[in-house]
Amino acid sequence: MDTVIGLGQVIAERVLVHQPTGGRVLIAVGTPRFIGKGWDWACPYVITGLGDPIHGHAHGIDALQSLQLVSAAIRADLEQTGATLSFLAQEGWQSAFPSTLQDFGSADLRARIEALIEAEQTRWLAEQGVRPAPEDC
């Protein structure tokens, strides 16, 4: 990113583990702040433990949107490093920063995409021999 927005007050942190070294990769998220430059808000973050710190931010129309989008920005930066990471002793670190489903404002399209994703998750779990949790729990 071209402009570094200071982290300010840290509101959330997450630790991943760098494999095979076992080193800690710390992701810290700062308070969203008004910047008033086209996109009105930015939520800053910094990733440490993979060499030089990675500073980034997610833009949003308001503070909440920037906070919603920061997870996707962090995930993209982590994927770009190519580092092998784990979260909660699982190789699937991406679950720590889930990908977002693009919503074009069409309830019908969103429902169709969500149904496809759910069907694929169910198929994959069955292949793994894992039974999904009952929905009424």
Protein backbone atom coordinates (compact mmCIF):
# COMPACT_ATOMS: atom_id res chain seq x y z
CA MET A 1 0.00 0.00 0.00
CA ASP A 2 1.27 3.44 -0.76
CA THR A 3 0.29 5.28 2.44
CA VAL A 4 0.99 3.95 5.92
CA ILE A 5 -1.74 4.82 8.38
CA GLY A 6 -0.49 4.56 11.95
CA LEU A 7 -1.90 1.65 13.94
CA GLY A 8 -3.06 3.77 16.87
CA GLN A 9 -4.93 1.92 19.60
CA VAL A 10 -4.91 -1.84 19.04
CA ILE A 11 -8.43 -3.26 19.22
CA ALA A 12 -7.71 -6.85 18.21
CA GLU A 13 -4.80 -9.26 17.80
CA ARG A 14 -4.37 -12.74 16.40
CA VAL A 15 -1.34 -15.02 16.50
CA LEU A 16 -0.46 -17.47 13.75
CA VAL A 17 2.51 -19.83 13.81
CA HIS A 18 5.14 -19.79 11.08
CA GLN A 19 5.95 -23.34 9.98
CA PRO A 20 8.42 -25.02 10.31
CA THR A 21 10.22 -22.48 12.57
CA GLY A 22 7.43 -22.25 15.15
CA GLY A 23 7.83 -18.46 15.22
CA ARG A 24 4.90 -16.24 16.13
CA VAL A 25 3.25 -14.13 13.46
CA LEU A 26 1.29 -11.38 15.16
CA ILE A 27 -1.52 -9.53 13.42
CA ALA A 28 -2.65 -6.36 15.19
CA VAL A 29 -5.68 -4.31 14.10
CA GLY A 30 -6.07 -0.68 15.05
CA THR A 31 -9.14 1.47 15.55
CA PRO A 32 -10.78 2.59 12.29
CA ARG A 33 -10.19 6.27 11.66
CA PHE A 34 -11.71 8.95 9.50
CA ILE A 35 -9.32 9.98 6.71
CA GLY A 36 -11.64 11.93 4.41
CA LYS A 37 -9.84 11.14 1.14
CA GLY A 38 -12.32 9.59 -1.29
CA TRP A 39 -12.91 6.55 0.90
CA ASP A 40 -13.79 8.18 4.18
CA TRP A 41 -12.50 5.59 6.68
CA ALA A 42 -9.51 3.28 7.04
CA CYS A 43 -8.86 0.43 9.46
CA PRO A 44 -5.10 -0.04 9.93
CA TYR A 45 -3.24 -3.26 10.71
CA VAL A 46 0.30 -4.52 11.02
CA ILE A 47 1.68 -8.03 10.56
CA THR A 48 4.94 -8.86 12.35
CA GLY A 49 7.00 -12.01 12.48
CA LEU A 50 7.59 -12.52 8.74
CA GLY A 51 10.62 -10.28 8.29
CA ASP A 52 9.90 -6.59 7.86
CA PRO A 53 6.54 -5.54 9.35
CA ILE A 54 3.69 -5.41 6.85
CA HIS A 55 1.59 -2.28 7.32
CA GLY A 56 -1.78 -2.08 5.64
CA HIS A 57 -5.28 -0.76 5.94
CA ALA A 58 -8.75 -1.47 4.62
CA HIS A 59 -10.88 1.37 3.28
CA GLY A 60 -14.59 1.75 3.86
CA ILE A 61 -17.42 4.22 3.47
CA ASP A 62 -17.73 4.25 7.26
CA ALA A 63 -15.85 2.83 10.25
CA LEU A 64 -17.86 -0.39 10.31
CA GLN A 65 -17.26 -1.20 6.65
CA SER A 66 -13.51 -0.62 7.03
CA LEU A 67 -13.54 -2.95 10.05
CA GLN A 68 -15.51 -5.58 8.10
CA LEU A 69 -13.03 -5.46 5.21
CA VAL A 70 -9.81 -5.54 7.22
CA SER A 71 -9.90 -9.35 7.52
CA ALA A 72 -9.86 -9.74 3.73
CA ALA A 73 -6.96 -7.28 3.41
CA ILE A 74 -4.95 -9.15 6.06
CA ARG A 75 -5.65 -12.48 4.34
CA ALA A 76 -4.46 -11.09 1.00
CA ASP A 77 -1.21 -9.79 2.53
CA LEU A 78 -0.56 -13.11 4.29
CA GLU A 79 -1.21 -15.08 1.09
CA GLN A 80 1.13 -12.79 -0.82
CA THR A 81 4.01 -13.68 1.53
CA GLY A 82 3.79 -17.36 0.57
CA ALA A 83 4.60 -18.27 4.18
CA THR A 84 3.45 -21.59 5.58
CA LEU A 85 1.34 -20.73 8.61
CA SER A 86 -0.98 -22.44 11.06
CA PHE A 87 -3.82 -21.30 13.31
CA LEU A 88 -4.94 -23.21 16.41
CA ALA A 89 -2.48 -25.98 15.46
CA GLN A 90 -4.22 -26.42 12.08
CA GLU A 91 -2.64 -25.86 8.69
CA GLY A 92 -5.81 -24.16 7.46
CA TRP A 93 -4.82 -20.73 8.76
CA GLN A 94 -7.13 -19.12 6.21
CA SER A 95 -10.09 -19.84 8.51
CA ALA A 96 -8.58 -17.23 10.83
CA PHE A 97 -9.22 -14.65 8.08
CA PRO A 98 -12.18 -15.93 6.06
CA SER A 99 -12.69 -14.87 2.49
CA THR A 100 -15.66 -12.66 1.86
CA LEU A 101 -18.51 -13.42 -0.50
CA GLN A 102 -19.04 -10.56 -2.93
CA ASP A 103 -22.60 -9.30 -2.62
CA PHE A 104 -24.01 -7.43 -5.59
CA GLY A 105 -27.19 -6.55 -3.72
CA SER A 106 -29.22 -9.33 -5.31
CA ALA A 107 -30.80 -11.59 -2.69
CA ASP A 108 -31.42 -14.25 -5.35
CA LEU A 109 -27.79 -14.30 -6.53
CA ARG A 110 -26.47 -14.34 -2.95
CA ALA A 111 -28.77 -17.25 -2.04
CA ARG A 112 -27.65 -19.22 -5.11
CA ILE A 113 -23.96 -18.66 -4.35
CA GLU A 114 -24.42 -19.57 -0.67
CA ALA A 115 -26.25 -22.79 -1.66
CA LEU A 116 -23.37 -23.75 -3.97
CA ILE A 117 -20.83 -23.13 -1.23
CA GLU A 118 -22.83 -25.11 1.33
CA ALA A 119 -23.23 -28.03 -1.08
CA GLU A 120 -19.50 -28.07 -1.78
CA GLN A 121 -18.64 -27.89 1.93
CA THR A 122 -21.01 -30.78 2.65
CA ARG A 123 -19.47 -32.83 -0.18
CA TRP A 124 -15.94 -32.12 1.05
CA LEU A 125 -16.79 -32.98 4.66
CA ALA A 126 -18.32 -36.28 3.50
CA GLU A 127 -15.13 -37.08 1.57
CA GLN A 128 -13.16 -36.41 4.76
CA GLY A 129 -15.46 -38.63 6.79
CA VAL A 130 -16.64 -35.71 8.91
CA ARG A 131 -20.29 -35.29 9.72
CA PRO A 132 -21.53 -31.70 9.83
CA ALA A 133 -22.94 -30.50 13.14
CA PRO A 134 -26.73 -30.54 13.38
CA GLU A 135 -28.20 -27.14 12.56
CA ASP A 136 -30.52 -27.13 15.55
CA CYS A 137 -27.69 -27.11 18.15
